Amino acid sequence: MRSSRRADDSLSFFGEPTSEPSVIGWMPAAAIYFRDPDGHMLEYLAMLEGPPRPELGIVAWSQQHR
């Protein structure tokens, strides 16, 4: 069975549609969220190299170096 999920079904940490991961500064990690066929929120998380940056809070991938 193939999934009908598309790349543009990805959600940010805040549940808004996005095309890039959310960066969680205090971990540090990058995460993408999506809903399974039953509507449950799922998280795909990857730890990032480098020290935690709690001052970032949670930002889009493209904003982490600003």
PDB file of N, CA and C in Angstrom:
ATOM      1  N   MET A   1       0.838  -1.172   0.000  1.00  0.00           N
ATOM      2  CA  MET A   1       0.000   0.000   0.000  1.00  0.00           C
ATOM      3  C   MET A   1       0.890   1.244   0.000  1.00  0.00           C
ATOM      4  N   ARG A   2       0.623   2.157  -0.882  1.00  0.00           N
ATOM      5  CA  ARG A   2       1.387   3.396  -0.957  1.00  0.00           C
ATOM      6  C   ARG A   2       0.731   4.485  -0.128  1.00  0.00           C
ATOM      7  N   SER A   3       1.544   5.315   0.457  1.00  0.00           N
ATOM      8  CA  SER A   3       1.036   6.448   1.226  1.00  0.00           C
ATOM      9  C   SER A   3       0.558   7.533   0.270  1.00  0.00           C
ATOM     10  N   SER A   4      -0.501   8.203   0.640  1.00  0.00           N
ATOM     11  CA  SER A   4      -0.983   9.322  -0.157  1.00  0.00           C
ATOM     12  C   SER A   4      -0.426  10.638   0.371  1.00  0.00           C
ATOM     13  N   ARG A   5       0.442  10.563   1.388  1.00  0.00           N
ATOM     14  CA  ARG A   5       1.047  11.758   1.963  1.00  0.00           C
ATOM     15  C   ARG A   5       1.990  12.392   0.968  1.00  0.00           C
ATOM     16  N   ARG A   6       1.959  13.706   0.876  1.00  0.00           N
ATOM     17  CA  ARG A   6       2.842  14.446  -0.022  1.00  0.00           C
ATOM     18  C   ARG A   6       3.802  15.286   0.806  1.00  0.00           C
ATOM     19  N   ALA A   7       4.884  15.721   0.178  1.00  0.00           N
ATOM     20  CA  ALA A   7       5.880  16.534   0.888  1.00  0.00           C
ATOM     21  C   ALA A   7       5.252  17.819   1.426  1.00  0.00           C
ATOM     22  N   ASP A   8       4.262  18.370   0.725  1.00  0.00           N
ATOM     23  CA  ASP A   8       3.665  19.614   1.201  1.00  0.00           C
ATOM     24  C   ASP A   8       2.656  19.393   2.333  1.00  0.00           C
ATOM     25  N   ASP A   9       2.556  18.179   2.843  1.00  0.00           N
ATOM     26  CA  ASP A   9       1.734  17.890   4.016  1.00  0.00           C
ATOM     27  C   ASP A   9       2.530  18.070   5.308  1.00  0.00           C
ATOM     28  N   SER A  10       3.799  18.448   5.195  1.00  0.00           N
ATOM     29  CA  SER A  10       4.648  18.621   6.372  1.00  0.00           C
ATOM     30  C   SER A  10       4.187  19.820   7.193  1.00  0.00           C
ATOM     31  N   LEU A  11       4.325  19.683   8.517  1.00  0.00           N
ATOM     32  CA  LEU A  11       3.915  20.736   9.441  1.00  0.00           C
ATOM     33  C   LEU A  11       5.099  21.201  10.263  1.00  0.00           C
ATOM     34  N   SER A  12       5.041  22.450  10.707  1.00  0.00           N
ATOM     35  CA  SER A  12       6.062  22.988  11.605  1.00  0.00           C
ATOM     36  C   SER A  12       5.773  22.536  13.036  1.00  0.00           C
ATOM     37  N   PHE A  13       6.657  22.872  13.952  1.00  0.00           N
ATOM     38  CA  PHE A  13       6.471  22.594  15.384  1.00  0.00           C
ATOM     39  C   PHE A  13       5.129  23.154  15.856  1.00  0.00           C
ATOM     40  N   PHE A  14       4.704  24.245  15.238  1.00  0.00           N
ATOM     41  CA  PHE A  14       3.476  24.934  15.640  1.00  0.00           C
ATOM     42  C   PHE A  14       2.241  24.459  14.882  1.00  0.00           C
ATOM     43  N   GLY A  15       2.400  23.399  14.055  1.00  0.00           N
ATOM     44  CA  GLY A  15       1.265  22.815  13.353  1.00  0.00           C
ATOM     45  C   GLY A  15       0.864  23.528  12.075  1.00  0.00           C
ATOM     46  N   GLU A  16       1.720  24.431  11.582  1.00  0.00           N
ATOM     47  CA  GLU A  16       1.432  25.165  10.353  1.00  0.00           C
ATOM     48  C   GLU A  16       2.112  24.485   9.170  1.00  0.00           C
ATOM     49  N   PRO A  17       1.502  24.511   7.990  1.00  0.00           N
ATOM     50  CA  PRO A  17       2.145  23.914   6.809  1.00  0.00           C
ATOM     51  C   PRO A  17       3.520  24.547   6.561  1.00  0.00           C
ATOM     52  N   THR A  18       4.495  23.723   6.189  1.00  0.00           N
ATOM     53  CA  THR A  18       5.855  24.216   5.944  1.00  0.00           C
ATOM     54  C   THR A  18       6.564  23.322   4.944  1.00  0.00           C
ATOM     55  N   SER A  19       7.636  23.844   4.369  1.00  0.00           N
ATOM     56  CA  SER A  19       8.456  23.046   3.458  1.00  0.00           C
ATOM     57  C   SER A  19       9.855  22.824   4.026  1.00  0.00           C
ATOM     58  N   GLU A  20      10.060  23.213   5.291  1.00  0.00           N
ATOM     59  CA  GLU A  20      11.369  23.039   5.923  1.00  0.00           C
ATOM     60  C   GLU A  20      11.202  22.609   7.379  1.00  0.00           C
ATOM     61  N   PRO A  21      12.229  21.988   7.934  1.00  0.00           N
ATOM     62  CA  PRO A  21      12.147  21.550   9.331  1.00  0.00           C
ATOM     63  C   PRO A  21      12.100  22.719  10.306  1.00  0.00           C
ATOM     64  N   SER A  22      11.577  22.444  11.480  1.00  0.00           N
ATOM     65  CA  SER A  22      11.678  23.374  12.604  1.00  0.00           C
ATOM     66  C   SER A  22      12.952  23.023  13.350  1.00  0.00           C
ATOM     67  N   VAL A  23      13.698  24.028  13.780  1.00  0.00           N
ATOM     68  CA  VAL A  23      14.903  23.813  14.581  1.00  0.00           C
ATOM     69  C   VAL A  23      14.560  24.120  16.033  1.00  0.00           C
ATOM     70  N   ILE A  24      14.844  23.160  16.894  1.00  0.00           N
ATOM     71  CA  ILE A  24      14.586  23.296  18.329  1.00  0.00           C
ATOM     72  C   ILE A  24      15.939  23.581  18.969  1.00  0.00           C
ATOM     73  N   GLY A  25      16.169  24.835  19.278  1.00  0.00           N
ATOM     74  CA  GLY A  25      17.481  25.301  19.683  1.00  0.00           C
ATOM     75  C   GLY A  25      18.056  24.664  20.933  1.00  0.00           C
ATOM     76  N   TRP A  26      17.246  24.397  21.925  1.00  0.00           N
ATOM     77  CA  TRP A  26      17.787  23.892  23.199  1.00  0.00           C
ATOM     78  C   TRP A  26      18.203  22.429  23.147  1.00  0.00           C
ATOM     79  N   MET A  27      17.882  21.707  22.070  1.00  0.00           N
ATOM     80  CA  MET A  27      18.246  20.278  22.031  1.00  0.00           C
ATOM     81  C   MET A  27      19.649  20.049  21.461  1.00  0.00           C
ATOM     82  N   PRO A  28      20.181  20.511  20.470  1.00  0.00           N
ATOM     83  CA  PRO A  28      19.549  21.067  19.273  1.00  0.00           C
ATOM     84  C   PRO A  28      19.084  19.935  18.346  1.00  0.00           C
ATOM     85  N   ALA A  29      17.973  20.189  17.663  1.00  0.00           N
ATOM     86  CA  ALA A  29      17.401  19.179  16.768  1.00  0.00           C
ATOM     87  C   ALA A  29      16.614  19.856  15.665  1.00  0.00           C
ATOM     88  N   ALA A  30      16.427  19.125  14.568  1.00  0.00           N
ATOM     89  CA  ALA A  30      15.552  19.556  13.479  1.00  0.00           C
ATOM     90  C   ALA A  30      14.400  18.568  13.421  1.00  0.00           C
ATOM     91  N   ALA A  31      13.190  19.070  13.243  1.00  0.00           N
ATOM     92  CA  ALA A  31      12.023  18.198  13.265  1.00  0.00           C
ATOM     93  C   ALA A  31      11.008  18.597  12.199  1.00  0.00           C
ATOM     94  N   ILE A  32      10.367  17.587  11.648  1.00  0.00           N
ATOM     95  CA  ILE A  32       9.236  17.752  10.732  1.00  0.00           C
ATOM     96  C   ILE A  32       8.075  16.989  11.360  1.00  0.00           C
ATOM     97  N   TYR A  33       6.904  17.517  11.237  1.00  0.00           N
ATOM     98  CA  TYR A  33       5.708  16.894  11.792  1.00  0.00           C
ATOM     99  C   TYR A  33       4.726  16.615  10.664  1.00  0.00           C
ATOM    100  N   PHE A  34       3.941  15.575  10.824  1.00  0.00           N
ATOM    101  CA  PHE A  34       2.900  15.254   9.846  1.00  0.00           C
ATOM    102  C   PHE A  34       1.849  14.401  10.534  1.00  0.00           C
ATOM    103  N   ARG A  35       0.720  14.253   9.880  1.00  0.00           N
ATOM    104  CA  ARG A  35      -0.374  13.456  10.441  1.00  0.00           C
ATOM    105  C   ARG A  35      -0.451  12.111   9.733  1.00  0.00           C
ATOM    106  N   ASP A  36      -0.673  11.058  10.510  1.00  0.00           N
ATOM    107  CA  ASP A  36      -0.852   9.733   9.920  1.00  0.00           C
ATOM    108  C   ASP A  36      -2.284   9.639   9.368  1.00  0.00           C
ATOM    109  N   PRO A  37      -2.613   8.553   8.689  1.00  0.00           N
ATOM    110  CA  PRO A  37      -3.954   8.441   8.095  1.00  0.00           C
ATOM    111  C   PRO A  37      -5.105   8.549   9.104  1.00  0.00           C
ATOM    112  N   ASP A  38      -4.827   8.286  10.380  1.00  0.00           N
ATOM    113  CA  ASP A  38      -5.863   8.410  11.404  1.00  0.00           C
ATOM    114  C   ASP A  38      -5.899   9.800  12.035  1.00  0.00           C
ATOM    115  N   GLY A  39      -5.016  10.704  11.584  1.00  0.00           N
ATOM    116  CA  GLY A  39      -5.001  12.066  12.096  1.00  0.00           C
ATOM    117  C   GLY A  39      -4.080  12.308  13.270  1.00  0.00           C
ATOM    118  N   HIS A  40      -3.321  11.295  13.702  1.00  0.00           N
ATOM    119  CA  HIS A  40      -2.377  11.470  14.815  1.00  0.00           C
ATOM    120  C   HIS A  40      -1.149  12.239  14.338  1.00  0.00           C
ATOM    121  N   MET A  41      -0.675  13.141  15.171  1.00  0.00           N
ATOM    122  CA  MET A  41       0.524  13.911  14.845  1.00  0.00           C
ATOM    123  C   MET A  41       1.752  13.040  15.078  1.00  0.00           C
ATOM    124  N   LEU A  42       2.632  12.978  14.083  1.00  0.00           N
ATOM    125  CA  LEU A  42       3.887  12.235  14.188  1.00  0.00           C
ATOM    126  C   LEU A  42       5.049  13.209  14.029  1.00  0.00           C
ATOM    127  N   GLU A  43       6.159  12.892  14.671  1.00  0.00           N
ATOM    128  CA  GLU A  43       7.344  13.740  14.617  1.00  0.00           C
ATOM    129  C   GLU A  43       8.518  12.929  14.088  1.00  0.00           C
ATOM    130  N   TYR A  44       9.243  13.503  13.130  1.00  0.00           N
ATOM    131  CA  TYR A  44      10.494  12.922  12.654  1.00  0.00           C
ATOM    132  C   TYR A  44      11.564  13.898  13.100  1.00  0.00           C
ATOM    133  N   LEU A  45      12.447  13.459  14.000  1.00  0.00           N
ATOM    134  CA  LEU A  45      13.415  14.345  14.636  1.00  0.00           C
ATOM    135  C   LEU A  45      14.829  13.850  14.394  1.00  0.00           C
ATOM    136  N   ALA A  46      15.726  14.775  14.092  1.00  0.00           N
ATOM    137  CA  ALA A  46      17.144  14.454  13.923  1.00  0.00           C
ATOM    138  C   ALA A  46      17.957  15.398  14.800  1.00  0.00           C
ATOM    139  N   MET A  47      18.824  14.820  15.605  1.00  0.00           N
ATOM    140  CA  MET A  47      19.700  15.635  16.440  1.00  0.00           C
ATOM    141  C   MET A  47      20.725  16.333  15.556  1.00  0.00           C
ATOM    142  N   LEU A  48      21.043  17.580  15.890  1.00  0.00           N
ATOM    143  CA  LEU A  48      22.014  18.364  15.138  1.00  0.00           C
ATOM    144  C   LEU A  48      23.342  18.407  15.889  1.00  0.00           C
ATOM    145  N   GLU A  49      24.418  18.525  15.137  1.00  0.00           N
ATOM    146  CA  GLU A  49      25.734  18.676  15.758  1.00  0.00           C
ATOM    147  C   GLU A  49      25.846  20.079  16.333  1.00  0.00           C
ATOM    148  N   GLY A  50      26.724  20.237  17.285  1.00  0.00           N
ATOM    149  CA  GLY A  50      26.965  21.548  17.868  1.00  0.00           C
ATOM    150  C   GLY A  50      26.281  21.685  19.210  1.00  0.00           C
ATOM    151  N   PRO A  51      26.632  22.764  19.905  1.00  0.00           N
ATOM    152  CA  PRO A  51      26.076  22.970  21.243  1.00  0.00           C
ATOM    153  C   PRO A  51      24.624  23.444  21.184  1.00  0.00           C
ATOM    154  N   PRO A  52      23.869  23.222  22.254  1.00  0.00           N
ATOM    155  CA  PRO A  52      22.512  23.759  22.329  1.00  0.00           C
ATOM    156  C   PRO A  52      22.529  25.289  22.218  1.00  0.00           C
ATOM    157  N   ARG A  53      21.482  25.834  21.614  1.00  0.00           N
ATOM    158  CA  ARG A  53      21.337  27.290  21.494  1.00  0.00           C
ATOM    159  C   ARG A  53      19.939  27.670  21.966  1.00  0.00           C
ATOM    160  N   PRO A  54      19.702  27.622  23.282  1.00  0.00           N
ATOM    161  CA  PRO A  54      18.362  27.885  23.803  1.00  0.00           C
ATOM    162  C   PRO A  54      17.822  29.267  23.446  1.00  0.00           C
ATOM    163  N   GLU A  55      18.709  30.215  23.186  1.00  0.00           N
ATOM    164  CA  GLU A  55      18.267  31.565  22.826  1.00  0.00           C
ATOM    165  C   GLU A  55      17.506  31.593  21.501  1.00  0.00           C
ATOM    166  N   LEU A  56      17.694  30.549  20.664  1.00  0.00           N
ATOM    167  CA  LEU A  56      16.964  30.462  19.396  1.00  0.00           C
ATOM    168  C   LEU A  56      15.488  30.171  19.598  1.00  0.00           C
ATOM    169  N   GLY A  57      15.185  29.424  20.648  1.00  0.00           N
ATOM    170  CA  GLY A  57      13.815  28.948  20.805  1.00  0.00           C
ATOM    171  C   GLY A  57      13.528  27.921  19.730  1.00  0.00           C
ATOM    172  N   ILE A  58      12.423  28.092  19.014  1.00  0.00           N
ATOM    173  CA  ILE A  58      12.052  27.205  17.917  1.00  0.00           C
ATOM    174  C   ILE A  58      11.869  28.068  16.683  1.00  0.00           C
ATOM    175  N   VAL A  59      12.662  27.796  15.650  1.00  0.00           N
ATOM    176  CA  VAL A  59      12.627  28.599  14.424  1.00  0.00           C
ATOM    177  C   VAL A  59      12.643  27.692  13.207  1.00  0.00           C
ATOM    178  N   ALA A  60      12.296  28.261  12.065  1.00  0.00           N
ATOM    179  CA  ALA A  60      12.391  27.528  10.804  1.00  0.00           C
ATOM    180  C   ALA A  60      13.865  27.300  10.463  1.00  0.00           C
ATOM    181  N   TRP A  61      14.150  26.244   9.742  1.00  0.00           N
ATOM    182  CA  TRP A  61      15.516  25.902   9.350  1.00  0.00           C
ATOM    183  C   TRP A  61      16.239  27.099   8.731  1.00  0.00           C
ATOM    184  N   SER A  62      15.562  27.840   7.873  1.00  0.00           N
ATOM    185  CA  SER A  62      16.189  28.970   7.176  1.00  0.00           C
ATOM    186  C   SER A  62      16.492  30.144   8.105  1.00  0.00           C
ATOM    187  N   GLN A  63      15.945  30.162   9.307  1.00  0.00           N
ATOM    188  CA  GLN A  63      16.171  31.264  10.248  1.00  0.00           C
ATOM    189  C   GLN A  63      17.191  30.959  11.323  1.00  0.00           C
ATOM    190  N   GLN A  64      17.730  29.764  11.361  1.00  0.00           N
ATOM    191  CA  GLN A  64      18.617  29.401  12.464  1.00  0.00           C
ATOM    192  C   GLN A  64      19.945  30.112  12.462  1.00  0.00           C
ATOM    193  N   HIS A  65      20.389  30.640  11.327  1.00  0.00           N
ATOM    194  CA  HIS A  65      21.696  31.295  11.254  1.00  0.00           C
ATOM    195  C   HIS A  65      21.604  32.816  11.235  1.00  0.00           C
ATOM    196  N   ARG A  66      20.444  33.328  11.534  1.00  0.00           N
ATOM    197  CA  ARG A  66      20.268  34.798  11.538  1.00  0.00           C
ATOM    198  C   ARG A  66      20.710  35.399  12.834  1.00  0.00           C
TER     199      ARG A  66
END
